[in-house]
Amino acid sequence: MVTTEALEVRLADSGYRITEPRRALIDAMRDLGDHFTAEELLQATPGVGRATVFRTLRLLLDLGALCHVVMETGTVGYRLTSEGHHHHIVCSGCGAMSDFATCDIQDLLDELHRRTGYEIQAHRLEVYGLCSDCRLPLQASTS
């Protein structure tokens, strides 16, 4: 996981001040762990205004320090991340999340461009399944 210091350096390098509310939000994001919702972040930082929470989420998304993930239920979760293009694999059982960088879909994107005329600017990929911890009880019950 990205360190608080690394996030603060990233903000500062991009010309943003490290205010106490931003520091509180970053600490709360780290404490919330693997993924969190905006509502959970609001509850974890009662002294920070709602607008500040959402402005900071947008800022960190724009800087690439945070990514949002559409959970299998359709809710949007957030996750602190390091730089670079990546995708997510999400456990349908417990909600655990992992990043993966492999993305061999360029041929598909080229075909979409050819068929639709769209200039593809970005894409997102979330994969859903059961992690080994959630599969274990299922495997044990079938044995």
N, C-alpha and C. Protein backbone atom coordinates (compact mmCIF):
# COMPACT_ATOMS: atom_id res chain seq x y z
N MET A 1 0.85 -1.18 0.00
CA MET A 1 0.00 0.00 0.00
C MET A 1 0.89 1.24 0.00
N VAL A 2 0.41 2.28 -0.59
CA VAL A 2 1.13 3.55 -0.68
C VAL A 2 1.25 4.16 0.71
N THR A 3 2.42 4.72 1.02
CA THR A 3 2.62 5.33 2.33
C THR A 3 2.00 6.73 2.38
N THR A 4 1.69 7.17 3.59
CA THR A 4 1.17 8.52 3.79
C THR A 4 2.16 9.54 3.26
N GLU A 5 3.44 9.32 3.57
CA GLU A 5 4.48 10.25 3.12
C GLU A 5 4.52 10.35 1.60
N ALA A 6 4.39 9.22 0.92
CA ALA A 6 4.42 9.22 -0.54
C ALA A 6 3.24 10.00 -1.11
N LEU A 7 2.08 9.86 -0.49
CA LEU A 7 0.91 10.62 -0.94
C LEU A 7 1.10 12.11 -0.71
N GLU A 8 1.67 12.45 0.44
CA GLU A 8 1.91 13.86 0.74
C GLU A 8 2.92 14.47 -0.23
N VAL A 9 3.95 13.73 -0.57
CA VAL A 9 4.94 14.20 -1.54
C VAL A 9 4.28 14.39 -2.91
N ARG A 10 3.43 13.45 -3.28
CA ARG A 10 2.74 13.53 -4.56
C ARG A 10 1.85 14.78 -4.64
N LEU A 11 1.13 15.04 -3.54
CA LEU A 11 0.30 16.24 -3.49
C LEU A 11 1.16 17.50 -3.59
N ALA A 12 2.22 17.54 -2.80
CA ALA A 12 3.09 18.72 -2.78
C ALA A 12 3.75 18.93 -4.14
N ASP A 13 4.23 17.84 -4.76
CA ASP A 13 4.86 17.94 -6.08
C ASP A 13 3.89 18.44 -7.15
N SER A 14 2.61 18.23 -6.92
CA SER A 14 1.59 18.67 -7.87
C SER A 14 1.05 20.05 -7.53
N GLY A 15 1.64 20.67 -6.50
CA GLY A 15 1.27 22.04 -6.15
C GLY A 15 0.15 22.17 -5.14
N TYR A 16 -0.19 21.09 -4.44
CA TYR A 16 -1.27 21.12 -3.45
C TYR A 16 -0.70 21.13 -2.05
N ARG A 17 -1.34 21.90 -1.19
CA ARG A 17 -0.92 21.96 0.20
C ARG A 17 -1.37 20.72 0.96
N ILE A 18 -0.61 20.38 1.98
CA ILE A 18 -0.97 19.26 2.85
C ILE A 18 -1.68 19.87 4.06
N THR A 19 -2.98 19.97 3.96
CA THR A 19 -3.77 20.55 5.04
C THR A 19 -4.09 19.47 6.07
N GLU A 20 -4.48 19.89 7.25
CA GLU A 20 -4.85 18.91 8.29
C GLU A 20 -6.02 18.04 7.85
N PRO A 21 -7.08 18.60 7.22
CA PRO A 21 -8.15 17.73 6.74
C PRO A 21 -7.66 16.71 5.71
N ARG A 22 -6.79 17.12 4.80
CA ARG A 22 -6.26 16.16 3.81
C ARG A 22 -5.44 15.07 4.49
N ARG A 23 -4.63 15.47 5.46
CA ARG A 23 -3.83 14.48 6.20
C ARG A 23 -4.76 13.51 6.93
N ALA A 24 -5.82 14.03 7.56
CA ALA A 24 -6.78 13.17 8.26
C ALA A 24 -7.46 12.19 7.30
N LEU A 25 -7.79 12.68 6.10
CA LEU A 25 -8.42 11.81 5.11
C LEU A 25 -7.47 10.73 4.62
N ILE A 26 -6.23 11.10 4.36
CA ILE A 26 -5.24 10.11 3.91
C ILE A 26 -5.03 9.06 4.99
N ASP A 27 -4.90 9.48 6.24
CA ASP A 27 -4.73 8.52 7.34
C ASP A 27 -5.94 7.60 7.44
N ALA A 28 -7.13 8.16 7.30
CA ALA A 28 -8.35 7.35 7.38
C ALA A 28 -8.42 6.35 6.22
N MET A 29 -8.03 6.79 5.02
CA MET A 29 -8.02 5.88 3.87
C MET A 29 -7.10 4.70 4.13
N ARG A 30 -5.94 4.99 4.67
CA ARG A 30 -4.99 3.92 4.98
C ARG A 30 -5.56 2.99 6.06
N ASP A 31 -6.21 3.58 7.08
CA ASP A 31 -6.78 2.77 8.16
C ASP A 31 -7.95 1.92 7.67
N LEU A 32 -8.70 2.42 6.70
CA LEU A 32 -9.85 1.67 6.18
C LEU A 32 -9.42 0.45 5.38
N GLY A 33 -8.19 0.44 4.91
CA GLY A 33 -7.64 -0.77 4.31
C GLY A 33 -7.84 -0.91 2.82
N ASP A 34 -8.05 -2.13 2.41
CA ASP A 34 -8.04 -2.55 1.01
C ASP A 34 -8.96 -1.72 0.12
N HIS A 35 -10.14 -1.44 0.60
CA HIS A 35 -11.07 -0.60 -0.16
C HIS A 35 -12.09 -0.01 0.80
N PHE A 36 -12.69 1.08 0.35
CA PHE A 36 -13.64 1.78 1.20
C PHE A 36 -14.59 2.57 0.32
N THR A 37 -15.72 2.93 0.89
CA THR A 37 -16.67 3.77 0.18
C THR A 37 -16.52 5.20 0.67
N ALA A 38 -17.09 6.12 -0.07
CA ALA A 38 -17.07 7.53 0.35
C ALA A 38 -17.79 7.68 1.68
N GLU A 39 -18.87 6.94 1.86
CA GLU A 39 -19.63 7.02 3.11
C GLU A 39 -18.79 6.52 4.29
N GLU A 40 -18.04 5.45 4.10
CA GLU A 40 -17.16 4.96 5.17
C GLU A 40 -16.09 5.98 5.50
N LEU A 41 -15.57 6.65 4.48
CA LEU A 41 -14.56 7.68 4.70
C LEU A 41 -15.16 8.86 5.47
N LEU A 42 -16.37 9.25 5.12
CA LEU A 42 -17.06 10.32 5.85
C LEU A 42 -17.23 9.95 7.33
N GLN A 43 -17.63 8.72 7.59
CA GLN A 43 -17.83 8.27 8.97
C GLN A 43 -16.51 8.20 9.73
N ALA A 44 -15.44 7.88 9.04
CA ALA A 44 -14.12 7.74 9.68
C ALA A 44 -13.48 9.09 9.98
N THR A 45 -13.99 10.16 9.38
CA THR A 45 -13.42 11.50 9.57
C THR A 45 -14.52 12.49 9.91
N PRO A 46 -15.12 12.36 11.08
CA PRO A 46 -16.26 13.22 11.42
C PRO A 46 -15.93 14.70 11.49
N GLY A 47 -14.68 15.06 11.69
CA GLY A 47 -14.30 16.47 11.77
C GLY A 47 -14.04 17.11 10.41
N VAL A 48 -14.16 16.34 9.34
CA VAL A 48 -13.88 16.85 8.00
C VAL A 48 -15.21 17.01 7.25
N GLY A 49 -15.38 18.14 6.62
CA GLY A 49 -16.63 18.42 5.91
C GLY A 49 -16.84 17.51 4.70
N ARG A 50 -18.10 17.28 4.41
CA ARG A 50 -18.49 16.41 3.29
C ARG A 50 -17.88 16.90 1.97
N ALA A 51 -17.93 18.20 1.71
CA ALA A 51 -17.38 18.74 0.46
C ALA A 51 -15.87 18.49 0.38
N THR A 52 -15.18 18.63 1.50
CA THR A 52 -13.73 18.38 1.52
C THR A 52 -13.43 16.93 1.22
N VAL A 53 -14.24 16.03 1.75
CA VAL A 53 -14.04 14.60 1.48
C VAL A 53 -14.16 14.34 -0.02
N PHE A 54 -15.22 14.84 -0.63
CA PHE A 54 -15.43 14.55 -2.05
C PHE A 54 -14.43 15.29 -2.94
N ARG A 55 -14.03 16.50 -2.57
CA ARG A 55 -12.99 17.21 -3.34
C ARG A 55 -11.66 16.46 -3.25
N THR A 56 -11.35 15.94 -2.08
CA THR A 56 -10.08 15.21 -1.90
C THR A 56 -10.11 13.89 -2.65
N LEU A 57 -11.24 13.19 -2.64
CA LEU A 57 -11.36 11.96 -3.43
C LEU A 57 -11.11 12.28 -4.91
N ARG A 58 -11.73 13.34 -5.42
CA ARG A 58 -11.56 13.72 -6.83
C ARG A 58 -10.10 14.07 -7.12
N LEU A 59 -9.48 14.84 -6.22
CA LEU A 59 -8.09 15.24 -6.40
C LEU A 59 -7.18 14.02 -6.46
N LEU A 60 -7.34 13.10 -5.52
CA LEU A 60 -6.49 11.90 -5.50
C LEU A 60 -6.75 11.00 -6.70
N LEU A 61 -7.99 10.95 -7.17
CA LEU A 61 -8.29 10.21 -8.40
C LEU A 61 -7.57 10.85 -9.58
N ASP A 62 -7.65 12.18 -9.68
CA ASP A 62 -7.00 12.89 -10.78
C ASP A 62 -5.49 12.73 -10.76
N LEU A 63 -4.90 12.65 -9.57
CA LEU A 63 -3.45 12.48 -9.45
C LEU A 63 -3.02 11.02 -9.63
N GLY A 64 -3.98 10.11 -9.73
CA GLY A 64 -3.65 8.70 -9.89
C GLY A 64 -3.23 8.02 -8.60
N ALA A 65 -3.47 8.66 -7.47
CA ALA A 65 -3.12 8.08 -6.17
C ALA A 65 -4.26 7.24 -5.61
N LEU A 66 -5.41 7.36 -6.21
CA LEU A 66 -6.61 6.65 -5.77
C LEU A 66 -7.30 6.13 -7.01
N CYS A 67 -7.88 4.98 -6.91
CA CYS A 67 -8.68 4.49 -8.04
C CYS A 67 -10.04 4.09 -7.50
N HIS A 68 -11.02 4.14 -8.37
CA HIS A 68 -12.32 3.66 -7.92
C HIS A 68 -12.61 2.35 -8.63
N VAL A 69 -13.30 1.51 -7.89
CA VAL A 69 -13.59 0.17 -8.35
C VAL A 69 -15.09 -0.07 -8.23
N VAL A 70 -15.70 -0.53 -9.29
CA VAL A 70 -17.11 -0.88 -9.24
C VAL A 70 -17.18 -2.30 -8.67
N MET A 71 -17.81 -2.40 -7.51
CA MET A 71 -17.94 -3.69 -6.86
C MET A 71 -19.01 -4.50 -7.60
N GLU A 72 -19.05 -5.79 -7.36
CA GLU A 72 -20.00 -6.65 -8.05
C GLU A 72 -21.44 -6.22 -7.78
N THR A 73 -21.67 -5.61 -6.62
CA THR A 73 -23.01 -5.13 -6.26
C THR A 73 -23.38 -3.84 -6.97
N GLY A 74 -22.41 -3.21 -7.65
CA GLY A 74 -22.65 -1.96 -8.33
C GLY A 74 -22.22 -0.74 -7.53
N THR A 75 -21.90 -0.93 -6.26
CA THR A 75 -21.43 0.20 -5.46
C THR A 75 -20.01 0.55 -5.87
N VAL A 76 -19.65 1.81 -5.67
CA VAL A 76 -18.31 2.25 -6.02
C VAL A 76 -17.45 2.26 -4.76
N GLY A 77 -16.33 1.59 -4.84
CA GLY A 77 -15.35 1.60 -3.77
C GLY A 77 -14.11 2.34 -4.24
N TYR A 78 -13.31 2.75 -3.30
CA TYR A 78 -12.06 3.45 -3.61
C TYR A 78 -10.92 2.65 -3.04
N ARG A 79 -9.75 2.84 -3.63
CA ARG A 79 -8.56 2.13 -3.20
C ARG A 79 -7.34 2.98 -3.47
N LEU A 80 -6.49 3.13 -2.43
CA LEU A 80 -5.21 3.82 -2.65
C LEU A 80 -4.37 2.95 -3.56
N THR A 81 -3.63 3.57 -4.44
CA THR A 81 -2.89 2.80 -5.42
C THR A 81 -1.57 3.49 -5.77
N SER A 82 -0.67 2.72 -6.30
CA SER A 82 0.55 3.31 -6.83
C SER A 82 0.28 3.71 -8.27
N GLU A 83 1.20 4.43 -8.85
CA GLU A 83 1.00 4.91 -10.22
C GLU A 83 1.00 3.74 -11.20
N GLY A 84 0.42 3.98 -12.33
CA GLY A 84 0.48 3.01 -13.41
C GLY A 84 -0.88 2.42 -13.74
N HIS A 85 -1.02 2.05 -15.00
CA HIS A 85 -2.26 1.45 -15.48
C HIS A 85 -2.40 0.06 -14.87
N HIS A 86 -3.56 -0.22 -14.32
CA HIS A 86 -3.80 -1.54 -13.75
C HIS A 86 -5.31 -1.80 -13.72
N HIS A 87 -5.65 -3.02 -13.37
CA HIS A 87 -7.04 -3.45 -13.27
C HIS A 87 -7.22 -4.12 -11.92
N HIS A 88 -8.45 -4.55 -11.64
CA HIS A 88 -8.75 -5.11 -10.33
C HIS A 88 -9.42 -6.47 -10.45
N ILE A 89 -9.08 -7.34 -9.52
CA ILE A 89 -9.81 -8.58 -9.35
C ILE A 89 -10.41 -8.51 -7.95
N VAL A 90 -11.74 -8.73 -7.87
CA VAL A 90 -12.50 -8.51 -6.65
C VAL A 90 -13.16 -9.82 -6.23
N CYS A 91 -13.03 -10.17 -4.95
CA CYS A 91 -13.68 -11.38 -4.44
C CYS A 91 -15.16 -11.10 -4.22
N SER A 92 -16.00 -11.92 -4.81
CA SER A 92 -17.45 -11.78 -4.66
C SER A 92 -17.91 -12.17 -3.26
N GLY A 93 -17.07 -12.92 -2.55
CA GLY A 93 -17.44 -13.36 -1.21
C GLY A 93 -17.12 -12.34 -0.14
N CYS A 94 -15.85 -11.96 -0.03
CA CYS A 94 -15.42 -11.10 1.08
C CYS A 94 -15.07 -9.68 0.65
N GLY A 95 -15.01 -9.43 -0.66
CA GLY A 95 -14.70 -8.08 -1.14
C GLY A 95 -13.22 -7.78 -1.24
N ALA A 96 -12.35 -8.76 -0.94
CA ALA A 96 -10.91 -8.54 -1.07
C ALA A 96 -10.60 -8.14 -2.50
N MET A 97 -9.56 -7.34 -2.65
CA MET A 97 -9.25 -6.78 -3.95
C MET A 97 -7.75 -6.89 -4.22
N SER A 98 -7.40 -7.17 -5.45
CA SER A 98 -6.01 -7.18 -5.86
C SER A 98 -5.89 -6.44 -7.18
N ASP A 99 -4.72 -5.85 -7.40
CA ASP A 99 -4.43 -5.19 -8.67
C ASP A 99 -3.72 -6.17 -9.58
N PHE A 100 -3.91 -6.00 -10.87
CA PHE A 100 -3.07 -6.70 -11.83
C PHE A 100 -2.82 -5.78 -13.01
N ALA A 101 -1.62 -5.85 -13.55
CA ALA A 101 -1.20 -4.91 -14.58
C ALA A 101 -1.31 -5.49 -15.97
N THR A 102 -1.40 -6.80 -16.09
CA THR A 102 -1.48 -7.41 -17.41
C THR A 102 -2.77 -7.00 -18.10
N CYS A 103 -2.64 -6.55 -19.31
CA CYS A 103 -3.82 -6.09 -20.03
C CYS A 103 -3.60 -6.34 -21.51
N ASP A 104 -3.89 -7.52 -21.95
CA ASP A 104 -3.66 -7.89 -23.33
C ASP A 104 -4.93 -7.77 -24.16
N ILE A 105 -5.56 -6.60 -24.10
CA ILE A 105 -6.81 -6.42 -24.85
C ILE A 105 -6.68 -5.37 -25.95
N GLN A 106 -5.46 -5.04 -26.34
CA GLN A 106 -5.27 -4.02 -27.36
C GLN A 106 -5.95 -4.39 -28.67
N ASP A 107 -5.91 -5.68 -29.05
CA ASP A 107 -6.59 -6.10 -30.28
C ASP A 107 -8.09 -5.82 -30.20
N LEU A 108 -8.69 -6.09 -29.04
CA LEU A 108 -10.11 -5.82 -28.85
C LEU A 108 -10.40 -4.32 -28.94
N LEU A 109 -9.55 -3.51 -28.33
CA LEU A 109 -9.74 -2.06 -28.38
C LEU A 109 -9.60 -1.55 -29.81
N ASP A 110 -8.64 -2.08 -30.55
CA ASP A 110 -8.47 -1.69 -31.96
C ASP A 110 -9.71 -2.07 -32.77
N GLU A 111 -10.27 -3.25 -32.51
CA GLU A 111 -11.46 -3.69 -33.22
C GLU A 111 -12.66 -2.81 -32.87
N LEU A 112 -12.79 -2.44 -31.59
CA LEU A 112 -13.86 -1.52 -31.19
C LEU A 112 -13.74 -0.19 -31.90
N HIS A 113 -12.53 0.31 -32.02
CA HIS A 113 -12.30 1.55 -32.75
C HIS A 113 -12.73 1.41 -34.21
N ARG A 114 -12.32 0.32 -34.80
CA ARG A 114 -12.64 0.09 -36.22
C ARG A 114 -14.16 -0.01 -36.42
N ARG A 115 -14.85 -0.74 -35.56
CA ARG A 115 -16.30 -0.95 -35.71
C ARG A 115 -17.13 0.29 -35.38
N THR A 116 -16.71 1.03 -34.37
CA THR A 116 -17.55 2.12 -33.87
C THR A 116 -17.08 3.50 -34.31
N GLY A 117 -15.82 3.61 -34.71
CA GLY A 117 -15.27 4.92 -35.04
C GLY A 117 -14.85 5.71 -33.82
N TYR A 118 -15.07 5.16 -32.64
CA TYR A 118 -14.65 5.85 -31.41
C TYR A 118 -13.14 5.85 -31.30
N GLU A 119 -12.60 6.95 -30.84
CA GLU A 119 -11.20 6.98 -30.46
C GLU A 119 -11.17 6.55 -28.99
N ILE A 120 -10.63 5.38 -28.74
CA ILE A 120 -10.61 4.83 -27.38
C ILE A 120 -9.58 5.62 -26.56
N GLN A 121 -10.04 6.27 -25.51
CA GLN A 121 -9.16 7.08 -24.67
C GLN A 121 -8.77 6.39 -23.38
N ALA A 122 -9.61 5.50 -22.90
CA ALA A 122 -9.33 4.81 -21.64
C ALA A 122 -10.23 3.59 -21.55
N HIS A 123 -9.89 2.72 -20.65
CA HIS A 123 -10.75 1.57 -20.36
C HIS A 123 -10.54 1.16 -18.91
N ARG A 124 -11.50 0.40 -18.41
CA ARG A 124 -11.46 -0.10 -17.04
C ARG A 124 -11.88 -1.56 -17.09
N LEU A 125 -11.23 -2.36 -16.28
CA LEU A 125 -11.56 -3.78 -16.24
C LEU A 125 -11.57 -4.24 -14.79
N GLU A 126 -12.71 -4.77 -14.37
CA GLU A 126 -12.82 -5.40 -13.07
C GLU A 126 -13.21 -6.85 -13.30
N VAL A 127 -12.54 -7.75 -12.62
CA VAL A 127 -12.82 -9.17 -12.72
C VAL A 127 -13.33 -9.62 -11.35
N TYR A 128 -14.39 -10.44 -11.35
CA TYR A 128 -14.99 -10.89 -10.10
C TYR A 128 -14.88 -12.40 -9.99
N GLY A 129 -14.61 -12.87 -8.79
CA GLY A 129 -14.51 -14.29 -8.53
C GLY A 129 -14.41 -14.54 -7.04
N LEU A 130 -14.05 -15.74 -6.66
CA LEU A 130 -13.89 -16.07 -5.24
C LEU A 130 -12.41 -16.28 -4.94
N CYS A 131 -11.93 -15.59 -3.90
CA CYS A 131 -10.54 -15.76 -3.48
C CYS A 131 -10.37 -17.14 -2.85
N SER A 132 -9.13 -17.53 -2.62
CA SER A 132 -8.86 -18.86 -2.08
C SER A 132 -9.47 -19.04 -0.69
N ASP A 133 -9.50 -17.98 0.13
CA ASP A 133 -10.10 -18.09 1.46
C ASP A 133 -11.60 -18.36 1.38
N CYS A 134 -12.28 -17.72 0.44
CA CYS A 134 -13.73 -17.91 0.30
C CYS A 134 -14.05 -19.23 -0.41
N ARG A 135 -13.17 -19.73 -1.25
CA ARG A 135 -13.37 -21.01 -1.91
C ARG A 135 -13.18 -22.18 -0.95
N LEU A 136 -12.30 -22.02 0.03
CA LEU A 136 -11.97 -23.10 0.96
C LEU A 136 -13.20 -23.72 1.63
N PRO A 137 -14.11 -22.92 2.22
CA PRO A 137 -15.29 -23.52 2.83
C PRO A 137 -16.17 -24.24 1.81
N LEU A 138 -16.24 -23.73 0.58
CA LEU A 138 -17.03 -24.37 -0.46
C LEU A 138 -16.43 -25.72 -0.84
N GLN A 139 -15.10 -25.76 -0.96
CA GLN A 139 -14.43 -27.00 -1.31
C GLN A 139 -14.57 -28.03 -0.18
N ALA A 140 -14.51 -27.58 1.06
CA ALA A 140 -14.62 -28.48 2.19
C ALA A 140 -16.03 -29.08 2.28
N SER A 141 -17.06 -28.30 1.93
CA SER A 141 -18.42 -28.79 2.04
C SER A 141 -18.76 -29.79 0.92
N THR A 142 -18.02 -29.77 -0.19
CA THR A 142 -18.28 -30.72 -1.27
C THR A 142 -17.45 -31.98 -1.13
N SER A 143 -16.52 -31.98 -0.17
CA SER A 143 -15.66 -33.17 0.00
C SER A 143 -16.31 -34.19 0.87
